[in-house]
Amino acid sequence: REEPEEEQEEDEDEDPCSEEWRWKYEEEQRKVVQLEQELVQKTEECKTQAAACLRLENQIREQVQELGLLLSWEPRASGRQGSSLRPGGDGMEQGCPMDLLAE
């Protein structure tokens, strides 16, 4: 009676389904590790791009303010007054120098 149990245990160790499941599990684990690495890489790329975008936005704001100052000092040929620019603003509000530049 003990011999068949031993044979069953050996058969379980060599079960092709068990080996197939183990192989599939290991393959999926490799995929998970690869995806995690890609996620870390993409996250770093996004952080780099966000920082570059912020720098560019700040540069544009500075240039708009400079243009606003230059345009507010120029005499208005069309008779408009510089009151459309609000003092103390960042140049991005309504009536900003970008509108004047477009004109």
N, C-alpha and C. Protein backbone atom coordinates (compact mmCIF):
# COMPACT_ATOMS: atom_id res chain seq x y z
N ARG A 1 0.81 -1.20 0.00
CA ARG A 1 0.00 0.00 0.00
C ARG A 1 0.85 1.26 0.00
N GLU A 2 2.01 1.22 0.57
CA GLU A 2 2.86 2.41 0.62
C GLU A 2 3.49 2.72 -0.73
N GLU A 3 3.73 1.73 -1.50
CA GLU A 3 4.37 1.95 -2.80
C GLU A 3 3.55 2.83 -3.74
N PRO A 4 2.23 2.62 -3.85
CA PRO A 4 1.47 3.50 -4.74
C PRO A 4 1.49 4.96 -4.28
N GLU A 5 1.51 5.21 -2.98
CA GLU A 5 1.57 6.60 -2.49
C GLU A 5 2.88 7.25 -2.91
N GLU A 6 3.97 6.49 -2.80
CA GLU A 6 5.26 7.02 -3.19
C GLU A 6 5.28 7.33 -4.69
N GLU A 7 4.66 6.48 -5.47
CA GLU A 7 4.59 6.71 -6.91
C GLU A 7 3.77 7.95 -7.22
N GLN A 8 2.71 8.16 -6.45
CA GLN A 8 1.88 9.34 -6.67
C GLN A 8 2.66 10.61 -6.34
N GLU A 9 3.45 10.58 -5.28
CA GLU A 9 4.26 11.74 -4.92
C GLU A 9 5.27 12.05 -6.01
N GLU A 10 5.88 11.03 -6.56
CA GLU A 10 6.85 11.23 -7.62
C GLU A 10 6.16 11.79 -8.86
N ASP A 11 4.97 11.28 -9.14
CA ASP A 11 4.22 11.77 -10.30
C ASP A 11 3.86 13.25 -10.13
N GLU A 12 3.53 13.67 -8.91
CA GLU A 12 3.19 15.07 -8.67
C GLU A 12 4.39 15.98 -8.89
N ASP A 13 5.57 15.50 -8.49
CA ASP A 13 6.79 16.28 -8.69
C ASP A 13 7.10 16.45 -10.18
N GLU A 14 6.76 15.47 -10.96
CA GLU A 14 7.07 15.50 -12.38
C GLU A 14 5.83 15.85 -13.22
N ASP A 15 4.82 16.39 -12.60
CA ASP A 15 3.58 16.72 -13.28
C ASP A 15 3.84 17.81 -14.32
N PRO A 16 3.56 17.54 -15.58
CA PRO A 16 3.81 18.55 -16.63
C PRO A 16 2.99 19.82 -16.42
N CYS A 17 1.80 19.68 -15.88
CA CYS A 17 0.98 20.86 -15.64
C CYS A 17 1.64 21.76 -14.60
N SER A 18 2.20 21.14 -13.58
CA SER A 18 2.87 21.91 -12.54
C SER A 18 4.07 22.66 -13.12
N GLU A 19 4.83 22.00 -13.97
CA GLU A 19 5.98 22.64 -14.61
C GLU A 19 5.52 23.77 -15.52
N GLU A 20 4.43 23.54 -16.24
CA GLU A 20 3.91 24.57 -17.13
C GLU A 20 3.46 25.78 -16.35
N TRP A 21 2.78 25.56 -15.23
CA TRP A 21 2.33 26.68 -14.40
C TRP A 21 3.51 27.43 -13.80
N ARG A 22 4.51 26.70 -13.38
CA ARG A 22 5.70 27.34 -12.83
C ARG A 22 6.38 28.19 -13.89
N TRP A 23 6.48 27.67 -15.11
CA TRP A 23 7.10 28.42 -16.20
C TRP A 23 6.29 29.67 -16.51
N LYS A 24 4.96 29.54 -16.56
CA LYS A 24 4.10 30.70 -16.83
C LYS A 24 4.24 31.74 -15.72
N TYR A 25 4.28 31.29 -14.49
CA TYR A 25 4.42 32.21 -13.37
C TYR A 25 5.73 32.98 -13.46
N GLU A 26 6.83 32.29 -13.74
CA GLU A 26 8.13 32.93 -13.86
C GLU A 26 8.15 33.92 -15.03
N GLU A 27 7.51 33.54 -16.12
CA GLU A 27 7.43 34.44 -17.28
C GLU A 27 6.66 35.70 -16.92
N GLU A 28 5.55 35.54 -16.22
CA GLU A 28 4.75 36.71 -15.81
C GLU A 28 5.54 37.58 -14.82
N GLN A 29 6.30 36.97 -13.96
CA GLN A 29 7.12 37.73 -13.01
C GLN A 29 8.17 38.55 -13.76
N ARG A 30 8.76 37.97 -14.79
CA ARG A 30 9.73 38.72 -15.60
C ARG A 30 9.06 39.92 -16.27
N LYS A 31 7.84 39.71 -16.76
CA LYS A 31 7.10 40.81 -17.37
C LYS A 31 6.82 41.92 -16.36
N VAL A 32 6.45 41.53 -15.14
CA VAL A 32 6.17 42.51 -14.09
C VAL A 32 7.41 43.34 -13.79
N VAL A 33 8.54 42.68 -13.66
CA VAL A 33 9.79 43.39 -13.37
C VAL A 33 10.12 44.35 -14.51
N GLN A 34 9.95 43.89 -15.74
CA GLN A 34 10.23 44.74 -16.90
C GLN A 34 9.30 45.96 -16.92
N LEU A 35 8.02 45.75 -16.65
CA LEU A 35 7.06 46.85 -16.64
C LEU A 35 7.36 47.84 -15.52
N GLU A 36 7.78 47.33 -14.37
CA GLU A 36 8.14 48.22 -13.27
C GLU A 36 9.33 49.08 -13.64
N GLN A 37 10.31 48.50 -14.31
CA GLN A 37 11.48 49.26 -14.75
C GLN A 37 11.08 50.32 -15.76
N GLU A 38 10.19 49.97 -16.69
CA GLU A 38 9.73 50.94 -17.68
C GLU A 38 8.96 52.06 -17.00
N LEU A 39 8.18 51.73 -15.99
CA LEU A 39 7.43 52.75 -15.27
C LEU A 39 8.36 53.74 -14.58
N VAL A 40 9.41 53.24 -13.96
CA VAL A 40 10.38 54.12 -13.31
C VAL A 40 11.03 55.03 -14.35
N GLN A 41 11.40 54.46 -15.49
CA GLN A 41 12.04 55.25 -16.56
C GLN A 41 11.09 56.31 -17.10
N LYS A 42 9.86 55.95 -17.36
CA LYS A 42 8.88 56.91 -17.90
C LYS A 42 8.57 57.99 -16.87
N THR A 43 8.53 57.63 -15.59
CA THR A 43 8.29 58.61 -14.54
C THR A 43 9.41 59.64 -14.52
N GLU A 44 10.65 59.20 -14.63
CA GLU A 44 11.78 60.12 -14.66
C GLU A 44 11.72 61.01 -15.90
N GLU A 45 11.35 60.44 -17.04
CA GLU A 45 11.23 61.24 -18.26
C GLU A 45 10.16 62.32 -18.08
N CYS A 46 9.04 61.95 -17.48
CA CYS A 46 7.96 62.92 -17.26
C CYS A 46 8.40 64.03 -16.31
N LYS A 47 9.14 63.68 -15.28
CA LYS A 47 9.63 64.70 -14.34
C LYS A 47 10.57 65.67 -15.06
N THR A 48 11.43 65.14 -15.91
CA THR A 48 12.37 65.97 -16.67
C THR A 48 11.61 66.90 -17.60
N GLN A 49 10.62 66.37 -18.30
CA GLN A 49 9.83 67.19 -19.22
C GLN A 49 9.01 68.24 -18.48
N ALA A 50 8.48 67.89 -17.32
CA ALA A 50 7.70 68.85 -16.54
C ALA A 50 8.59 70.00 -16.07
N ALA A 51 9.81 69.68 -15.64
CA ALA A 51 10.73 70.73 -15.20
C ALA A 51 11.10 71.64 -16.38
N ALA A 52 11.33 71.05 -17.55
CA ALA A 52 11.65 71.85 -18.73
C ALA A 52 10.47 72.74 -19.11
N CYS A 53 9.28 72.21 -19.01
CA CYS A 53 8.07 72.98 -19.32
C CYS A 53 7.92 74.16 -18.35
N LEU A 54 8.18 73.92 -17.08
CA LEU A 54 8.09 74.97 -16.08
C LEU A 54 9.11 76.07 -16.35
N ARG A 55 10.33 75.67 -16.71
CA ARG A 55 11.36 76.66 -17.05
C ARG A 55 10.93 77.50 -18.25
N LEU A 56 10.39 76.83 -19.26
CA LEU A 56 9.94 77.54 -20.45
C LEU A 56 8.79 78.49 -20.12
N GLU A 57 7.86 78.04 -19.29
CA GLU A 57 6.75 78.90 -18.89
C GLU A 57 7.26 80.14 -18.15
N ASN A 58 8.22 79.95 -17.27
CA ASN A 58 8.79 81.09 -16.54
C ASN A 58 9.50 82.06 -17.48
N GLN A 59 10.22 81.51 -18.46
CA GLN A 59 10.88 82.38 -19.45
C GLN A 59 9.85 83.19 -20.23
N ILE A 60 8.78 82.55 -20.63
CA ILE A 60 7.73 83.26 -21.38
C ILE A 60 7.12 84.35 -20.52
N ARG A 61 6.84 84.05 -19.25
CA ARG A 61 6.27 85.07 -18.36
C ARG A 61 7.21 86.27 -18.23
N GLU A 62 8.51 85.99 -18.08
CA GLU A 62 9.47 87.08 -17.97
C GLU A 62 9.50 87.92 -19.25
N GLN A 63 9.47 87.26 -20.39
CA GLN A 63 9.49 87.99 -21.66
C GLN A 63 8.22 88.81 -21.84
N VAL A 64 7.09 88.26 -21.42
CA VAL A 64 5.83 89.00 -21.53
C VAL A 64 5.89 90.24 -20.64
N GLN A 65 6.43 90.09 -19.45
CA GLN A 65 6.56 91.25 -18.56
C GLN A 65 7.48 92.31 -19.16
N GLU A 66 8.59 91.86 -19.72
CA GLU A 66 9.51 92.81 -20.36
C GLU A 66 8.84 93.53 -21.52
N LEU A 67 8.10 92.77 -22.33
CA LEU A 67 7.38 93.40 -23.44
C LEU A 67 6.34 94.39 -22.92
N GLY A 68 5.69 94.03 -21.83
CA GLY A 68 4.71 94.92 -21.23
C GLY A 68 5.34 96.22 -20.80
N LEU A 69 6.49 96.15 -20.21
CA LEU A 69 7.20 97.37 -19.80
C LEU A 69 7.60 98.19 -21.01
N LEU A 70 8.13 97.52 -22.03
CA LEU A 70 8.53 98.24 -23.24
C LEU A 70 7.33 98.89 -23.91
N LEU A 71 6.23 98.17 -24.00
CA LEU A 71 5.05 98.73 -24.67
C LEU A 71 4.39 99.83 -23.85
N SER A 72 4.48 99.76 -22.54
CA SER A 72 3.87 100.80 -21.73
C SER A 72 4.68 102.10 -21.79
N TRP A 73 5.96 102.02 -22.15
CA TRP A 73 6.78 103.21 -22.26
C TRP A 73 6.64 103.89 -23.62
N GLU A 74 6.21 103.11 -24.62
CA GLU A 74 6.10 103.68 -25.96
C GLU A 74 4.88 104.59 -26.05
N PRO A 75 5.00 105.70 -26.78
CA PRO A 75 3.82 106.53 -27.01
C PRO A 75 2.83 105.77 -27.87
N ARG A 76 1.58 105.95 -27.57
CA ARG A 76 0.52 105.24 -28.29
C ARG A 76 0.13 106.02 -29.54
N ALA A 77 0.46 105.48 -30.69
CA ALA A 77 0.12 106.14 -31.95
C ALA A 77 -1.37 106.07 -32.22
N SER A 78 -2.02 105.03 -31.74
CA SER A 78 -3.44 104.87 -32.02
C SER A 78 -4.31 105.59 -31.00
N GLY A 79 -3.70 106.25 -30.03
CA GLY A 79 -4.47 106.99 -29.03
C GLY A 79 -4.88 106.15 -27.84
N ARG A 80 -4.49 104.89 -27.80
CA ARG A 80 -4.81 104.04 -26.64
C ARG A 80 -3.92 104.44 -25.48
N GLN A 81 -4.43 104.25 -24.30
CA GLN A 81 -3.65 104.54 -23.11
C GLN A 81 -3.13 103.24 -22.54
N GLY A 82 -2.11 103.36 -21.72
CA GLY A 82 -1.51 102.17 -21.11
C GLY A 82 -2.31 101.63 -19.96
N SER A 83 -3.51 102.09 -19.73
CA SER A 83 -4.29 101.65 -18.58
C SER A 83 -4.81 100.23 -18.73
N SER A 84 -4.71 99.67 -19.94
CA SER A 84 -5.18 98.29 -20.09
C SER A 84 -4.26 97.33 -19.35
N LEU A 85 -3.06 97.76 -19.08
CA LEU A 85 -2.15 96.94 -18.28
C LEU A 85 -2.39 97.22 -16.81
N ARG A 86 -2.61 96.17 -16.09
CA ARG A 86 -2.87 96.36 -14.67
C ARG A 86 -1.55 96.33 -13.92
N PRO A 87 -1.29 97.34 -13.11
CA PRO A 87 -0.02 97.35 -12.38
C PRO A 87 0.05 96.18 -11.40
N GLY A 88 1.22 95.64 -11.28
CA GLY A 88 1.45 94.56 -10.32
C GLY A 88 1.05 93.19 -10.83
N GLY A 89 0.53 93.11 -12.05
CA GLY A 89 0.13 91.82 -12.60
C GLY A 89 1.33 91.07 -13.14
N ASP A 90 1.11 89.81 -13.48
CA ASP A 90 2.21 89.02 -14.02
C ASP A 90 2.24 89.04 -15.54
N GLY A 91 1.38 89.85 -16.15
CA GLY A 91 1.37 89.94 -17.60
C GLY A 91 0.49 88.90 -18.26
N MET A 92 -0.14 88.05 -17.48
CA MET A 92 -0.94 86.99 -18.05
C MET A 92 -2.44 87.27 -17.90
N GLU A 93 -2.79 88.41 -17.30
CA GLU A 93 -4.20 88.73 -17.13
C GLU A 93 -4.78 89.33 -18.40
N GLN A 94 -6.06 89.63 -18.37
CA GLN A 94 -6.74 90.20 -19.53
C GLN A 94 -6.12 91.56 -19.87
N GLY A 95 -5.97 91.85 -21.13
CA GLY A 95 -5.33 93.11 -21.54
C GLY A 95 -3.83 93.03 -21.39
N CYS A 96 -3.29 91.85 -21.38
CA CYS A 96 -1.86 91.68 -21.15
C CYS A 96 -1.03 92.10 -22.37
N PRO A 97 0.24 92.25 -22.20
CA PRO A 97 1.11 92.67 -23.30
C PRO A 97 1.05 91.75 -24.52
N MET A 98 0.67 90.50 -24.34
CA MET A 98 0.57 89.62 -25.49
C MET A 98 -0.54 90.12 -26.43
N ASP A 99 -1.63 90.63 -25.87
CA ASP A 99 -2.69 91.20 -26.69
C ASP A 99 -2.16 92.43 -27.44
N LEU A 100 -1.40 93.25 -26.74
CA LEU A 100 -0.82 94.44 -27.36
C LEU A 100 0.17 94.05 -28.44
N LEU A 101 0.92 92.99 -28.17
CA LEU A 101 1.89 92.53 -29.16
C LEU A 101 1.17 92.04 -30.41
N ALA A 102 0.05 91.37 -30.22
CA ALA A 102 -0.73 90.89 -31.36
C ALA A 102 -1.24 92.06 -32.20
N GLU A 103 -1.61 93.17 -31.52
CA GLU A 103 -2.06 94.34 -32.25
C GLU A 103 -0.93 94.90 -33.08
